[in-house]
Each structure stands twice: as C-alpha cells, then as structure tokens.
C-alpha cells in the first residue's frame, strides 16, 4: 500500500482502507490467527496509519478504529 496522500480526501481514503484492515475480524482472520499473529498484523497496519498522520493528515472519517474522529491509536489494544 502506497502511503503518500497529497490531500485530506486521499488521506481519508487510506484511513478507510486501514480501518477495514484493522478490524478484529480481519486481524484475527475470523478466529484463525493467534494473538501474536493478530498483534503483528495490527501493528503493521497501525504503522501505515502513523505514516499518514506524520504527513500531517488526521483521520476525519467515522470509524471503529479511528475514534474519536481525528485519533490514531497509539498501540496494540489486545490482551
């Protein structure tokens, strides 16, 4: 995934994609992933989100991952 948004709209498109990739269903592969695998997957996508944020774009989408609006998680939330 290329991380190089030039506008907030482009950034939000990336955040929407990342929001999907960072859901429990995806990171846990519908219950097939171990906690270690889920954490690695989540942190991989979180790094992508932080790249967008470092470029000066906060999420303006309504999402279960990026909440409240404008927030990028700081780390793994699992057990």
PDB file of N, CA and C in Angstrom:
ATOM      1  N   UNK A   1       0.835  -1.172   0.000  1.00  0.00           N
ATOM      2  CA  UNK A   1       0.000   0.000   0.000  1.00  0.00           C
ATOM      3  C   UNK A   1       0.884   1.241   0.000  1.00  0.00           C
ATOM      4  N   UNK A   2       0.687   2.078  -0.991  1.00  0.00           N
ATOM      5  CA  UNK A   2       1.457   3.312  -1.100  1.00  0.00           C
ATOM      6  C   UNK A   2       0.893   4.354  -0.137  1.00  0.00           C
ATOM      7  N   UNK A   3       1.766   4.933   0.676  1.00  0.00           N
ATOM      8  CA  UNK A   3       1.365   5.941   1.658  1.00  0.00           C
ATOM      9  C   UNK A   3       1.975   7.281   1.253  1.00  0.00           C
ATOM     10  N   UNK A   4       1.209   8.048   0.492  1.00  0.00           N
ATOM     11  CA  UNK A   4       1.701   9.351   0.063  1.00  0.00           C
ATOM     12  C   UNK A   4       0.537  10.278  -0.303  1.00  0.00           C
ATOM     13  N   UNK A   5      -0.401  10.481   0.642  1.00  0.00           N
ATOM     14  CA  UNK A   5      -1.535  11.333   0.314  1.00  0.00           C
ATOM     15  C   UNK A   5      -1.111  12.791   0.142  1.00  0.00           C
ATOM     16  N   UNK A   6      -1.769  13.458  -0.774  1.00  0.00           N
ATOM     17  CA  UNK A   6      -1.489  14.882  -1.021  1.00  0.00           C
ATOM     18  C   UNK A   6      -2.618  15.766  -0.503  1.00  0.00           C
ATOM     19  N   UNK A   7      -3.783  15.159  -0.269  1.00  0.00           N
ATOM     20  CA  UNK A   7      -4.941  15.908   0.210  1.00  0.00           C
ATOM     21  C   UNK A   7      -5.601  15.144   1.352  1.00  0.00           C
ATOM     22  N   UNK A   8      -6.464  15.829   2.088  1.00  0.00           N
ATOM     23  CA  UNK A   8      -7.204  15.165   3.159  1.00  0.00           C
ATOM     24  C   UNK A   8      -8.102  14.079   2.597  1.00  0.00           C
ATOM     25  N   UNK A   9      -8.674  14.313   1.434  1.00  0.00           N
ATOM     26  CA  UNK A   9      -9.535  13.300   0.811  1.00  0.00           C
ATOM     27  C   UNK A   9      -8.748  12.019   0.533  1.00  0.00           C
ATOM     28  N   UNK A  10      -7.540  12.159  -0.014  1.00  0.00           N
ATOM     29  CA  UNK A  10      -6.693  10.985  -0.266  1.00  0.00           C
ATOM     30  C   UNK A  10      -6.326  10.301   1.049  1.00  0.00           C
ATOM     31  N   UNK A  11      -6.027  11.099   2.069  1.00  0.00           N
ATOM     32  CA  UNK A  11      -5.685  10.535   3.376  1.00  0.00           C
ATOM     33  C   UNK A  11      -6.864   9.756   3.942  1.00  0.00           C
ATOM     34  N   UNK A  12      -8.061  10.311   3.831  1.00  0.00           N
ATOM     35  CA  UNK A  12      -9.227   9.622   4.361  1.00  0.00           C
ATOM     36  C   UNK A  12      -9.536   8.334   3.604  1.00  0.00           C
ATOM     37  N   UNK A  13      -9.244   8.299   2.317  1.00  0.00           N
ATOM     38  CA  UNK A  13      -9.403   7.045   1.566  1.00  0.00           C
ATOM     39  C   UNK A  13      -8.460   5.976   2.124  1.00  0.00           C
ATOM     40  N   UNK A  14      -7.238   6.390   2.449  1.00  0.00           N
ATOM     41  CA  UNK A  14      -6.287   5.455   3.064  1.00  0.00           C
ATOM     42  C   UNK A  14      -6.777   5.027   4.445  1.00  0.00           C
ATOM     43  N   UNK A  15      -7.240   5.998   5.239  1.00  0.00           N
ATOM     44  CA  UNK A  15      -7.743   5.670   6.572  1.00  0.00           C
ATOM     45  C   UNK A  15      -8.931   4.709   6.489  1.00  0.00           C
ATOM     46  N   UNK A  16      -9.793   4.861   5.496  1.00  0.00           N
ATOM     47  CA  UNK A  16     -10.921   3.937   5.325  1.00  0.00           C
ATOM     48  C   UNK A  16     -10.413   2.518   5.058  1.00  0.00           C
ATOM     49  N   UNK A  17      -9.431   2.401   4.178  1.00  0.00           N
ATOM     50  CA  UNK A  17      -8.842   1.088   3.877  1.00  0.00           C
ATOM     51  C   UNK A  17      -8.188   0.508   5.134  1.00  0.00           C
ATOM     52  N   UNK A  18      -7.431   1.346   5.837  1.00  0.00           N
ATOM     53  CA  UNK A  18      -6.760   0.893   7.052  1.00  0.00           C
ATOM     54  C   UNK A  18      -7.773   0.497   8.119  1.00  0.00           C
ATOM     55  N   UNK A  19      -8.849   1.249   8.230  1.00  0.00           N
ATOM     56  CA  UNK A  19      -9.884   0.940   9.203  1.00  0.00           C
ATOM     57  C   UNK A  19     -10.431  -0.462   8.974  1.00  0.00           C
ATOM     58  N   UNK A  20     -10.631  -0.818   7.728  1.00  0.00           N
ATOM     59  CA  UNK A  20     -11.094  -2.174   7.410  1.00  0.00           C
ATOM     60  C   UNK A  20     -10.036  -3.209   7.798  1.00  0.00           C
ATOM     61  N   UNK A  21      -8.789  -2.962   7.418  1.00  0.00           N
ATOM     62  CA  UNK A  21      -7.709  -3.933   7.680  1.00  0.00           C
ATOM     63  C   UNK A  21      -7.439  -4.117   9.165  1.00  0.00           C
ATOM     64  N   UNK A  22      -7.820  -3.126   9.979  1.00  0.00           N
ATOM     65  CA  UNK A  22      -7.521  -3.161  11.412  1.00  0.00           C
ATOM     66  C   UNK A  22      -8.703  -3.638  12.257  1.00  0.00           C
ATOM     67  N   UNK A  23      -9.777  -4.114  11.633  1.00  0.00           N
ATOM     68  CA  UNK A  23     -10.904  -4.629  12.407  1.00  0.00           C
ATOM     69  C   UNK A  23     -10.545  -5.977  13.016  1.00  0.00           C
ATOM     70  N   UNK A  24     -11.238  -6.310  14.093  1.00  0.00           N
ATOM     71  CA  UNK A  24     -10.981  -7.596  14.760  1.00  0.00           C
ATOM     72  C   UNK A  24     -11.141  -8.772  13.806  1.00  0.00           C
ATOM     73  N   UNK A  25     -12.176  -8.732  12.976  1.00  0.00           N
ATOM     74  CA  UNK A  25     -12.435  -9.851  12.065  1.00  0.00           C
ATOM     75  C   UNK A  25     -11.260 -10.097  11.125  1.00  0.00           C
ATOM     76  N   UNK A  26     -10.645  -9.012  10.662  1.00  0.00           N
ATOM     77  CA  UNK A  26      -9.533  -9.143   9.723  1.00  0.00           C
ATOM     78  C   UNK A  26      -8.247  -9.509  10.454  1.00  0.00           C
ATOM     79  N   UNK A  27      -7.918  -8.801  11.523  1.00  0.00           N
ATOM     80  CA  UNK A  27      -6.625  -9.086  12.177  1.00  0.00           C
ATOM     81  C   UNK A  27      -6.605 -10.464  12.836  1.00  0.00           C
ATOM     82  N   UNK A  28      -7.769 -10.920  13.282  1.00  0.00           N
ATOM     83  CA  UNK A  28      -7.834 -12.260  13.868  1.00  0.00           C
ATOM     84  C   UNK A  28      -8.197 -13.332  12.845  1.00  0.00           C
ATOM     85  N   UNK A  29      -8.314 -12.924  11.576  1.00  0.00           N
ATOM     86  CA  UNK A  29      -8.608 -13.856  10.475  1.00  0.00           C
ATOM     87  C   UNK A  29      -9.794 -14.750  10.834  1.00  0.00           C
ATOM     88  N   UNK A  30     -10.873 -14.084  11.266  1.00  0.00           N
ATOM     89  CA  UNK A  30     -12.098 -14.801  11.651  1.00  0.00           C
ATOM     90  C   UNK A  30     -11.826 -15.909  12.674  1.00  0.00           C
ATOM     91  N   UNK A  31     -10.944 -15.621  13.622  1.00  0.00           N
ATOM     92  CA  UNK A  31     -10.652 -16.558  14.703  1.00  0.00           C
ATOM     93  C   UNK A  31      -9.538 -17.540  14.423  1.00  0.00           C
ATOM     94  N   UNK A  32      -8.912 -17.463  13.267  1.00  0.00           N
ATOM     95  CA  UNK A  32      -7.871 -18.423  12.897  1.00  0.00           C
ATOM     96  C   UNK A  32      -6.462 -17.975  13.307  1.00  0.00           C
ATOM     97  N   UNK A  33      -6.277 -16.687  13.575  1.00  0.00           N
ATOM     98  CA  UNK A  33      -4.945 -16.172  13.914  1.00  0.00           C
ATOM     99  C   UNK A  33      -4.689 -16.279  15.410  1.00  0.00           C
ATOM    100  N   UNK A  34      -3.437 -16.507  15.761  1.00  0.00           N
ATOM    101  CA  UNK A  34      -3.051 -16.473  17.172  1.00  0.00           C
ATOM    102  C   UNK A  34      -2.998 -15.018  17.616  1.00  0.00           C
ATOM    103  N   UNK A  35      -2.929 -14.813  18.901  1.00  0.00           N
ATOM    104  CA  UNK A  35      -2.805 -13.454  19.444  1.00  0.00           C
ATOM    105  C   UNK A  35      -1.546 -12.782  18.892  1.00  0.00           C
ATOM    106  N   UNK A  36      -0.459 -13.531  18.819  1.00  0.00           N
ATOM    107  CA  UNK A  36       0.800 -12.998  18.296  1.00  0.00           C
ATOM    108  C   UNK A  36       0.653 -12.588  16.830  1.00  0.00           C
ATOM    109  N   UNK A  37      -0.001 -13.409  16.035  1.00  0.00           N
ATOM    110  CA  UNK A  37      -0.212 -13.090  14.614  1.00  0.00           C
ATOM    111  C   UNK A  37      -1.127 -11.875  14.468  1.00  0.00           C
ATOM    112  N   UNK A  38      -2.186 -11.828  15.257  1.00  0.00           N
ATOM    113  CA  UNK A  38      -3.120 -10.698  15.198  1.00  0.00           C
ATOM    114  C   UNK A  38      -2.406  -9.397  15.579  1.00  0.00           C
ATOM    115  N   UNK A  39      -1.588  -9.462  16.603  1.00  0.00           N
ATOM    116  CA  UNK A  39      -0.850  -8.272  17.040  1.00  0.00           C
ATOM    117  C   UNK A  39       0.091  -7.797  15.934  1.00  0.00           C
ATOM    118  N   UNK A  40       0.802  -8.714  15.316  1.00  0.00           N
ATOM    119  CA  UNK A  40       1.729  -8.347  14.240  1.00  0.00           C
ATOM    120  C   UNK A  40       0.987  -7.709  13.074  1.00  0.00           C
ATOM    121  N   UNK A  41      -0.160  -8.264  12.716  1.00  0.00           N
ATOM    122  CA  UNK A  41      -0.963  -7.706  11.621  1.00  0.00           C
ATOM    123  C   UNK A  41      -1.451  -6.310  11.978  1.00  0.00           C
ATOM    124  N   UNK A  42      -1.984  -6.171  13.179  1.00  0.00           N
ATOM    125  CA  UNK A  42      -2.494  -4.869  13.628  1.00  0.00           C
ATOM    126  C   UNK A  42      -1.385  -3.820  13.624  1.00  0.00           C
ATOM    127  N   UNK A  43      -0.230  -4.173  14.180  1.00  0.00           N
ATOM    128  CA  UNK A  43       0.874  -3.208  14.253  1.00  0.00           C
ATOM    129  C   UNK A  43       1.399  -2.845  12.868  1.00  0.00           C
ATOM    130  N   UNK A  44       1.351  -3.782  11.937  1.00  0.00           N
ATOM    131  CA  UNK A  44       1.744  -3.487  10.556  1.00  0.00           C
ATOM    132  C   UNK A  44       0.853  -2.391   9.988  1.00  0.00           C
ATOM    133  N   UNK A  45      -0.476  -2.558  10.126  1.00  0.00           N
ATOM    134  CA  UNK A  45      -1.400  -1.557   9.591  1.00  0.00           C
ATOM    135  C   UNK A  45      -1.362  -0.267  10.396  1.00  0.00           C
ATOM    136  N   UNK A  46      -1.124  -0.369  11.702  1.00  0.00           N
ATOM    137  CA  UNK A  46      -1.012   0.835  12.524  1.00  0.00           C
ATOM    138  C   UNK A  46       0.170   1.681  12.071  1.00  0.00           C
ATOM    139  N   UNK A  47       1.262   1.036  11.701  1.00  0.00           N
ATOM    140  CA  UNK A  47       2.423   1.774  11.185  1.00  0.00           C
ATOM    141  C   UNK A  47       2.046   2.564   9.930  1.00  0.00           C
ATOM    142  N   UNK A  48       1.218   1.976   9.080  1.00  0.00           N
ATOM    143  CA  UNK A  48       0.763   2.679   7.870  1.00  0.00           C
ATOM    144  C   UNK A  48      -0.075   3.898   8.255  1.00  0.00           C
ATOM    145  N   UNK A  49      -0.941   3.736   9.254  1.00  0.00           N
ATOM    146  CA  UNK A  49      -1.766   4.859   9.711  1.00  0.00           C
ATOM    147  C   UNK A  49      -0.896   5.968  10.282  1.00  0.00           C
ATOM    148  N   UNK A  50       0.126   5.598  11.014  1.00  0.00           N
ATOM    149  CA  UNK A  50       1.026   6.606  11.590  1.00  0.00           C
ATOM    150  C   UNK A  50       1.820   7.325  10.499  1.00  0.00           C
ATOM    151  N   UNK A  51       2.106   6.623   9.407  1.00  0.00           N
ATOM    152  CA  UNK A  51       2.777   7.281   8.281  1.00  0.00           C
ATOM    153  C   UNK A  51       1.893   8.383   7.712  1.00  0.00           C
ATOM    154  N   UNK A  52       0.606   8.090   7.569  1.00  0.00           N
ATOM    155  CA  UNK A  52      -0.334   9.101   7.066  1.00  0.00           C
ATOM    156  C   UNK A  52      -0.376  10.278   8.041  1.00  0.00           C
ATOM    157  N   UNK A  53      -0.449   9.969   9.319  1.00  0.00           N
ATOM    158  CA  UNK A  53      -0.506  11.013  10.341  1.00  0.00           C
ATOM    159  C   UNK A  53       0.754  11.887  10.317  1.00  0.00           C
ATOM    160  N   UNK A  54       1.923  11.253  10.151  1.00  0.00           N
ATOM    161  CA  UNK A  54       3.183  12.018  10.098  1.00  0.00           C
ATOM    162  C   UNK A  54       3.236  12.964   8.905  1.00  0.00           C
ATOM    163  N   UNK A  55       2.465  12.653   7.869  1.00  0.00           N
ATOM    164  CA  UNK A  55       2.400  13.534   6.703  1.00  0.00           C
ATOM    165  C   UNK A  55       1.466  14.717   6.950  1.00  0.00           C
ATOM    166  N   UNK A  56       0.898  14.775   8.150  1.00  0.00           N
ATOM    167  CA  UNK A  56       0.078  15.924   8.532  1.00  0.00           C
ATOM    168  C   UNK A  56      -1.416  15.736   8.399  1.00  0.00           C
ATOM    169  N   UNK A  57      -1.859  14.493   8.187  1.00  0.00           N
ATOM    170  CA  UNK A  57      -3.284  14.233   7.994  1.00  0.00           C
ATOM    171  C   UNK A  57      -3.835  13.372   9.125  1.00  0.00           C
ATOM    172  N   UNK A  58      -4.809  13.899   9.830  1.00  0.00           N
ATOM    173  CA  UNK A  58      -5.539  13.140  10.842  1.00  0.00           C
ATOM    174  C   UNK A  58      -6.779  12.562  10.176  1.00  0.00           C
ATOM    175  N   UNK A  59      -7.290  11.431  10.665  1.00  0.00           N
ATOM    176  CA  UNK A  59      -8.498  10.875  10.069  1.00  0.00           C
ATOM    177  C   UNK A  59      -9.712  11.757  10.358  1.00  0.00           C
ATOM    178  N   UNK A  60     -10.502  12.014   9.335  1.00  0.00           N
ATOM    179  CA  UNK A  60     -11.750  12.751   9.520  1.00  0.00           C
ATOM    180  C   UNK A  60     -12.945  11.849   9.241  1.00  0.00           C
ATOM    181  N   UNK A  61     -12.688  10.544   9.165  1.00  0.00           N
ATOM    182  CA  UNK A  61     -13.756   9.580   8.927  1.00  0.00           C
ATOM    183  C   UNK A  61     -14.320   9.085  10.255  1.00  0.00           C
ATOM    184  N   UNK A  62     -15.536   8.580  10.223  1.00  0.00           N
ATOM    185  CA  UNK A  62     -16.154   7.952  11.376  1.00  0.00           C
ATOM    186  C   UNK A  62     -15.849   6.467  11.286  1.00  0.00           C
ATOM    187  N   UNK A  63     -15.139   5.938  12.269  1.00  0.00           N
ATOM    188  CA  UNK A  63     -14.627   4.578  12.176  1.00  0.00           C
ATOM    189  C   UNK A  63     -14.524   3.946  13.552  1.00  0.00           C
ATOM    190  N   UNK A  64     -14.648   2.631  13.610  1.00  0.00           N
ATOM    191  CA  UNK A  64     -14.446   1.920  14.870  1.00  0.00           C
ATOM    192  C   UNK A  64     -12.976   1.916  15.284  1.00  0.00           C
ATOM    193  N   UNK A  65     -12.082   2.091  14.345  1.00  0.00           N
ATOM    194  CA  UNK A  65     -10.646   2.081  14.634  1.00  0.00           C
ATOM    195  C   UNK A  65     -10.147   3.475  14.987  1.00  0.00           C
ATOM    196  N   UNK A  66     -10.522   4.452  14.197  1.00  0.00           N
ATOM    197  CA  UNK A  66     -10.046   5.822  14.395  1.00  0.00           C
ATOM    198  C   UNK A  66     -11.123   6.627  15.122  1.00  0.00           C
ATOM    199  N   UNK A  67     -11.226   6.414  16.427  1.00  0.00           N
ATOM    200  CA  UNK A  67     -12.208   7.121  17.226  1.00  0.00           C
ATOM    201  C   UNK A  67     -11.554   7.661  18.476  1.00  0.00           C
ATOM    202  N   UNK A  68     -11.989   8.775  18.990  1.00  0.00           N
ATOM    203  CA  UNK A  68     -12.917   9.659  18.294  1.00  0.00           C
ATOM    204  C   UNK A  68     -12.303  10.142  16.991  1.00  0.00           C
ATOM    205  N   UNK A  69     -13.132  10.757  16.159  1.00  0.00           N
ATOM    206  CA  UNK A  69     -12.645  11.257  14.862  1.00  0.00           C
ATOM    207  C   UNK A  69     -11.387  12.080  15.105  1.00  0.00           C
ATOM    208  N   UNK A  70     -10.360  11.826  14.297  1.00  0.00           N
ATOM    209  CA  UNK A  70      -9.090  12.549  14.427  1.00  0.00           C
ATOM    210  C   UNK A  70      -8.043  11.805  15.226  1.00  0.00           C
ATOM    211  N   UNK A  71      -8.417  10.682  15.812  1.00  0.00           N
ATOM    212  CA  UNK A  71      -7.496   9.917  16.646  1.00  0.00           C
ATOM    213  C   UNK A  71      -6.892   8.751  15.873  1.00  0.00           C
ATOM    214  N   UNK A  72      -5.573   8.587  16.007  1.00  0.00           N
ATOM    215  CA  UNK A  72      -4.882   7.396  15.514  1.00  0.00           C
ATOM    216  C   UNK A  72      -4.442   6.619  16.748  1.00  0.00           C
ATOM    217  N   UNK A  73      -4.799   5.339  16.863  1.00  0.00           N
ATOM    218  CA  UNK A  73      -4.398   4.563  18.041  1.00  0.00           C
ATOM    219  C   UNK A  73      -2.885   4.626  18.262  1.00  0.00           C
ATOM    220  N   UNK A  74      -2.491   4.433  19.499  1.00  0.00           N
ATOM    221  CA  UNK A  74      -1.063   4.529  19.825  1.00  0.00           C
ATOM    222  C   UNK A  74      -0.379   3.179  19.904  1.00  0.00           C
ATOM    223  N   UNK A  75      -1.140   2.095  19.974  1.00  0.00           N
ATOM    224  CA  UNK A  75      -0.502   0.783  20.062  1.00  0.00           C
ATOM    225  C   UNK A  75      -1.511  -0.344  20.055  1.00  0.00           C
ATOM    226  N   UNK A  76      -1.034  -1.522  20.385  1.00  0.00           N
ATOM    227  CA  UNK A  76      -1.846  -2.739  20.401  1.00  0.00           C
ATOM    228  C   UNK A  76      -2.834  -2.648  21.550  1.00  0.00           C
ATOM    229  N   UNK A  77      -4.034  -3.070  21.309  1.00  0.00           N
ATOM    230  CA  UNK A  77      -5.092  -2.984  22.308  1.00  0.00           C
ATOM    231  C   UNK A  77      -5.465  -4.332  22.897  1.00  0.00           C
ATOM    232  N   UNK A  78      -4.913  -5.399  22.358  1.00  0.00           N
ATOM    233  CA  UNK A  78      -5.321  -6.756  22.749  1.00  0.00           C
ATOM    234  C   UNK A  78      -4.768  -7.174  24.098  1.00  0.00           C
ATOM    235  N   UNK A  79      -5.022  -8.400  24.398  1.00  0.00           N
ATOM    236  CA  UNK A  79      -4.592  -8.961  25.697  1.00  0.00           C
ATOM    237  C   UNK A  79      -3.097  -9.151  25.742  1.00  0.00           C
TER     238      UNK A  79
END
